[in-house]
Amino acid sequence: MGRSSNSFSTWVGSPHTIGGRNSSPEERLFVAVLSQAVHDVFSGHVDKLNRQQAKDFLTQNTWHFKMVCELAGRDPDYVVRKMKKRIQ
């Protein structure tokens, strides 16, 4: 099985992790969830409804978003700030 590059770190930067440790498979899974949401926001082939839902997920700082960020080892406030800046 090959490795794929994860674009989430490209969008929000990798230095803003919590704990500075090696990532577990679970962390990588939740980073992939965040990465997919970022992909959905900026991809032209994603329909308007899904793009808007991804944008809302990444910018509204909901409980679910905070939980995904925590499980991904990322700072949710930083991610929201970076995504709002990128989206504008």
N, C-alpha and C. Protein backbone atom coordinates (compact mmCIF):
# COMPACT_ATOMS: atom_id res chain seq x y z
N MET A 1 0.84 -1.16 0.00
CA MET A 1 0.00 0.00 0.00
C MET A 1 0.89 1.23 0.00
N GLY A 2 0.62 2.17 -0.89
CA GLY A 2 1.44 3.37 -1.01
C GLY A 2 1.02 4.46 -0.03
N ARG A 3 1.88 5.42 0.11
CA ARG A 3 1.57 6.57 0.96
C ARG A 3 1.04 7.69 0.09
N SER A 4 0.11 8.43 0.62
CA SER A 4 -0.37 9.60 -0.11
C SER A 4 0.03 10.85 0.65
N SER A 5 0.16 11.91 -0.06
CA SER A 5 0.53 13.15 0.60
C SER A 5 -0.74 13.80 1.15
N ASN A 6 -0.64 14.35 2.32
CA ASN A 6 -1.80 14.95 2.96
C ASN A 6 -1.74 16.46 2.79
N SER A 7 -2.73 17.02 2.12
CA SER A 7 -2.69 18.45 1.83
C SER A 7 -3.14 19.32 2.99
N PHE A 8 -3.67 18.74 4.05
CA PHE A 8 -4.14 19.55 5.17
C PHE A 8 -3.01 20.38 5.76
N SER A 9 -1.84 19.79 5.93
CA SER A 9 -0.70 20.52 6.48
C SER A 9 -0.29 21.66 5.56
N THR A 10 -0.50 21.51 4.27
CA THR A 10 -0.20 22.57 3.33
C THR A 10 -1.09 23.78 3.56
N TRP A 11 -2.35 23.53 3.88
CA TRP A 11 -3.31 24.62 4.05
C TRP A 11 -3.18 25.32 5.39
N VAL A 12 -2.99 24.57 6.46
CA VAL A 12 -2.97 25.21 7.77
C VAL A 12 -1.62 25.14 8.46
N GLY A 13 -0.69 24.42 7.90
CA GLY A 13 0.64 24.33 8.48
C GLY A 13 0.73 23.20 9.49
N SER A 14 1.87 22.55 9.53
CA SER A 14 2.03 21.42 10.44
C SER A 14 2.60 21.77 11.80
N PRO A 15 3.22 22.95 12.02
CA PRO A 15 3.81 23.19 13.32
C PRO A 15 2.80 23.40 14.45
N HIS A 16 1.54 23.54 14.13
CA HIS A 16 0.56 23.83 15.16
C HIS A 16 -0.16 22.57 15.62
N THR A 17 0.63 21.58 15.98
CA THR A 17 0.08 20.35 16.52
C THR A 17 0.11 20.45 18.03
N ILE A 18 -0.65 19.64 18.67
CA ILE A 18 -0.70 19.62 20.12
C ILE A 18 0.17 18.48 20.61
N GLY A 19 1.16 18.77 21.41
CA GLY A 19 1.98 17.73 22.01
C GLY A 19 3.29 17.45 21.30
N GLY A 20 3.41 17.76 20.01
CA GLY A 20 4.65 17.57 19.27
C GLY A 20 5.18 16.15 19.26
N ARG A 21 4.31 15.16 19.19
CA ARG A 21 4.75 13.77 19.21
C ARG A 21 4.44 13.11 17.87
N ASN A 22 4.93 11.88 17.70
CA ASN A 22 4.61 11.13 16.48
C ASN A 22 3.12 10.83 16.45
N SER A 23 2.55 10.83 15.25
CA SER A 23 1.10 10.61 15.18
C SER A 23 0.76 9.13 15.14
N SER A 24 -0.32 8.84 15.81
CA SER A 24 -0.86 7.48 15.84
C SER A 24 -1.73 7.29 14.59
N PRO A 25 -2.11 6.06 14.30
CA PRO A 25 -3.03 5.83 13.17
C PRO A 25 -4.35 6.59 13.35
N GLU A 26 -4.81 6.70 14.57
CA GLU A 26 -6.06 7.43 14.83
C GLU A 26 -5.89 8.91 14.50
N GLU A 27 -4.76 9.49 14.92
CA GLU A 27 -4.51 10.90 14.60
C GLU A 27 -4.47 11.10 13.10
N ARG A 28 -3.79 10.21 12.40
CA ARG A 28 -3.70 10.33 10.94
C ARG A 28 -5.08 10.22 10.30
N LEU A 29 -5.95 9.40 10.88
CA LEU A 29 -7.32 9.28 10.38
C LEU A 29 -8.05 10.62 10.48
N PHE A 30 -7.95 11.28 11.63
CA PHE A 30 -8.67 12.54 11.81
C PHE A 30 -8.01 13.68 11.05
N VAL A 31 -6.71 13.61 10.82
CA VAL A 31 -6.07 14.57 9.92
C VAL A 31 -6.62 14.39 8.52
N ALA A 32 -6.86 13.14 8.13
CA ALA A 32 -7.44 12.86 6.81
C ALA A 32 -8.87 13.43 6.72
N VAL A 33 -9.62 13.38 7.81
CA VAL A 33 -10.97 13.96 7.83
C VAL A 33 -10.88 15.46 7.56
N LEU A 34 -9.96 16.14 8.27
CA LEU A 34 -9.77 17.57 8.07
C LEU A 34 -9.29 17.85 6.65
N SER A 35 -8.39 17.03 6.16
CA SER A 35 -7.86 17.21 4.81
C SER A 35 -8.97 17.08 3.77
N GLN A 36 -9.86 16.13 3.95
CA GLN A 36 -10.97 15.95 3.01
C GLN A 36 -11.89 17.17 3.02
N ALA A 37 -12.14 17.73 4.19
CA ALA A 37 -12.97 18.93 4.27
C ALA A 37 -12.31 20.09 3.53
N VAL A 38 -11.00 20.26 3.71
CA VAL A 38 -10.28 21.32 2.99
C VAL A 38 -10.36 21.07 1.49
N HIS A 39 -10.15 19.84 1.08
CA HIS A 39 -10.25 19.49 -0.34
C HIS A 39 -11.62 19.85 -0.88
N ASP A 40 -12.67 19.52 -0.14
CA ASP A 40 -14.03 19.79 -0.59
C ASP A 40 -14.29 21.29 -0.75
N VAL A 41 -13.71 22.11 0.13
CA VAL A 41 -13.91 23.56 0.05
C VAL A 41 -13.29 24.13 -1.22
N PHE A 42 -12.11 23.67 -1.57
CA PHE A 42 -11.35 24.30 -2.65
C PHE A 42 -11.40 23.56 -3.99
N SER A 43 -12.13 22.47 -4.08
CA SER A 43 -12.20 21.71 -5.33
C SER A 43 -13.39 22.15 -6.17
N GLY A 44 -13.13 22.33 -7.44
CA GLY A 44 -14.19 22.75 -8.35
C GLY A 44 -15.17 21.65 -8.68
N HIS A 45 -14.78 20.39 -8.52
CA HIS A 45 -15.68 19.30 -8.89
C HIS A 45 -16.64 18.88 -7.77
N VAL A 46 -16.52 19.51 -6.62
CA VAL A 46 -17.42 19.20 -5.49
C VAL A 46 -18.66 20.09 -5.64
N ASP A 47 -19.84 19.48 -5.49
CA ASP A 47 -21.06 20.26 -5.68
C ASP A 47 -21.19 21.35 -4.60
N LYS A 48 -22.00 22.34 -4.91
CA LYS A 48 -22.12 23.54 -4.08
C LYS A 48 -22.54 23.23 -2.64
N LEU A 49 -23.48 22.32 -2.46
CA LEU A 49 -23.97 21.99 -1.12
C LEU A 49 -22.85 21.37 -0.27
N ASN A 50 -22.14 20.40 -0.83
CA ASN A 50 -21.05 19.76 -0.08
C ASN A 50 -19.92 20.74 0.21
N ARG A 51 -19.64 21.62 -0.76
CA ARG A 51 -18.60 22.63 -0.54
C ARG A 51 -18.99 23.56 0.61
N GLN A 52 -20.26 23.98 0.64
CA GLN A 52 -20.73 24.87 1.72
C GLN A 52 -20.70 24.16 3.07
N GLN A 53 -21.09 22.90 3.10
CA GLN A 53 -21.05 22.15 4.36
C GLN A 53 -19.62 22.02 4.87
N ALA A 54 -18.69 21.78 3.98
CA ALA A 54 -17.28 21.68 4.38
C ALA A 54 -16.78 23.03 4.88
N LYS A 55 -17.16 24.10 4.20
CA LYS A 55 -16.76 25.45 4.62
C LYS A 55 -17.32 25.76 6.00
N ASP A 56 -18.58 25.44 6.22
CA ASP A 56 -19.19 25.65 7.54
C ASP A 56 -18.47 24.84 8.61
N PHE A 57 -18.16 23.59 8.30
CA PHE A 57 -17.47 22.72 9.26
C PHE A 57 -16.13 23.32 9.67
N LEU A 58 -15.39 23.86 8.70
CA LEU A 58 -14.04 24.36 8.98
C LEU A 58 -14.00 25.77 9.56
N THR A 59 -15.11 26.48 9.56
CA THR A 59 -15.07 27.87 10.02
C THR A 59 -15.98 28.19 11.19
N GLN A 60 -16.85 27.29 11.59
CA GLN A 60 -17.80 27.61 12.65
C GLN A 60 -17.37 27.17 14.04
N ASN A 61 -16.27 26.43 14.15
CA ASN A 61 -15.70 26.05 15.44
C ASN A 61 -16.73 25.37 16.36
N THR A 62 -17.47 24.42 15.80
CA THR A 62 -18.49 23.69 16.56
C THR A 62 -17.84 22.65 17.47
N TRP A 63 -18.63 22.04 18.29
CA TRP A 63 -18.15 21.00 19.18
C TRP A 63 -17.55 19.84 18.38
N HIS A 64 -18.23 19.46 17.31
CA HIS A 64 -17.73 18.35 16.48
C HIS A 64 -16.39 18.71 15.85
N PHE A 65 -16.26 19.93 15.34
CA PHE A 65 -15.01 20.37 14.74
C PHE A 65 -13.88 20.35 15.77
N LYS A 66 -14.18 20.86 16.96
CA LYS A 66 -13.15 20.87 18.02
C LYS A 66 -12.72 19.44 18.38
N MET A 67 -13.67 18.52 18.41
CA MET A 67 -13.35 17.13 18.73
C MET A 67 -12.46 16.52 17.64
N VAL A 68 -12.80 16.75 16.38
CA VAL A 68 -11.99 16.22 15.27
C VAL A 68 -10.59 16.81 15.34
N CYS A 69 -10.48 18.11 15.59
CA CYS A 69 -9.15 18.74 15.70
C CYS A 69 -8.36 18.16 16.87
N GLU A 70 -9.02 17.97 17.99
CA GLU A 70 -8.33 17.39 19.15
C GLU A 70 -7.83 15.99 18.83
N LEU A 71 -8.67 15.19 18.19
CA LEU A 71 -8.28 13.83 17.84
C LEU A 71 -7.19 13.81 16.76
N ALA A 72 -7.12 14.89 15.96
CA ALA A 72 -6.09 15.00 14.94
C ALA A 72 -4.81 15.63 15.50
N GLY A 73 -4.87 16.07 16.76
CA GLY A 73 -3.71 16.70 17.37
C GLY A 73 -3.49 18.12 16.87
N ARG A 74 -4.56 18.81 16.46
CA ARG A 74 -4.45 20.16 15.93
C ARG A 74 -5.19 21.14 16.83
N ASP A 75 -4.76 22.38 16.80
CA ASP A 75 -5.39 23.45 17.57
C ASP A 75 -6.58 23.99 16.77
N PRO A 76 -7.81 23.78 17.25
CA PRO A 76 -8.98 24.18 16.47
C PRO A 76 -9.07 25.68 16.21
N ASP A 77 -8.67 26.52 17.16
CA ASP A 77 -8.73 27.97 16.96
C ASP A 77 -7.79 28.40 15.84
N TYR A 78 -6.61 27.81 15.81
CA TYR A 78 -5.65 28.12 14.75
C TYR A 78 -6.19 27.68 13.39
N VAL A 79 -6.75 26.48 13.33
CA VAL A 79 -7.28 25.97 12.07
C VAL A 79 -8.40 26.87 11.56
N VAL A 80 -9.30 27.29 12.42
CA VAL A 80 -10.41 28.17 12.02
C VAL A 80 -9.86 29.49 11.47
N ARG A 81 -8.90 30.08 12.19
CA ARG A 81 -8.31 31.35 11.73
C ARG A 81 -7.68 31.20 10.34
N LYS A 82 -6.89 30.15 10.17
CA LYS A 82 -6.22 29.93 8.89
C LYS A 82 -7.22 29.67 7.77
N MET A 83 -8.25 28.89 8.05
CA MET A 83 -9.22 28.57 7.01
C MET A 83 -10.04 29.80 6.62
N LYS A 84 -10.45 30.60 7.59
CA LYS A 84 -11.20 31.82 7.27
C LYS A 84 -10.35 32.75 6.41
N LYS A 85 -9.07 32.83 6.73
CA LYS A 85 -8.17 33.68 5.96
C LYS A 85 -8.03 33.14 4.53
N ARG A 86 -7.87 31.83 4.37
CA ARG A 86 -7.71 31.21 3.05
C ARG A 86 -8.98 31.31 2.21
N ILE A 87 -10.13 31.19 2.85
CA ILE A 87 -11.40 31.18 2.13
C ILE A 87 -11.72 32.58 1.58
N GLN A 88 -11.33 33.62 2.30
CA GLN A 88 -11.64 34.98 1.86
C GLN A 88 -10.81 35.41 0.75
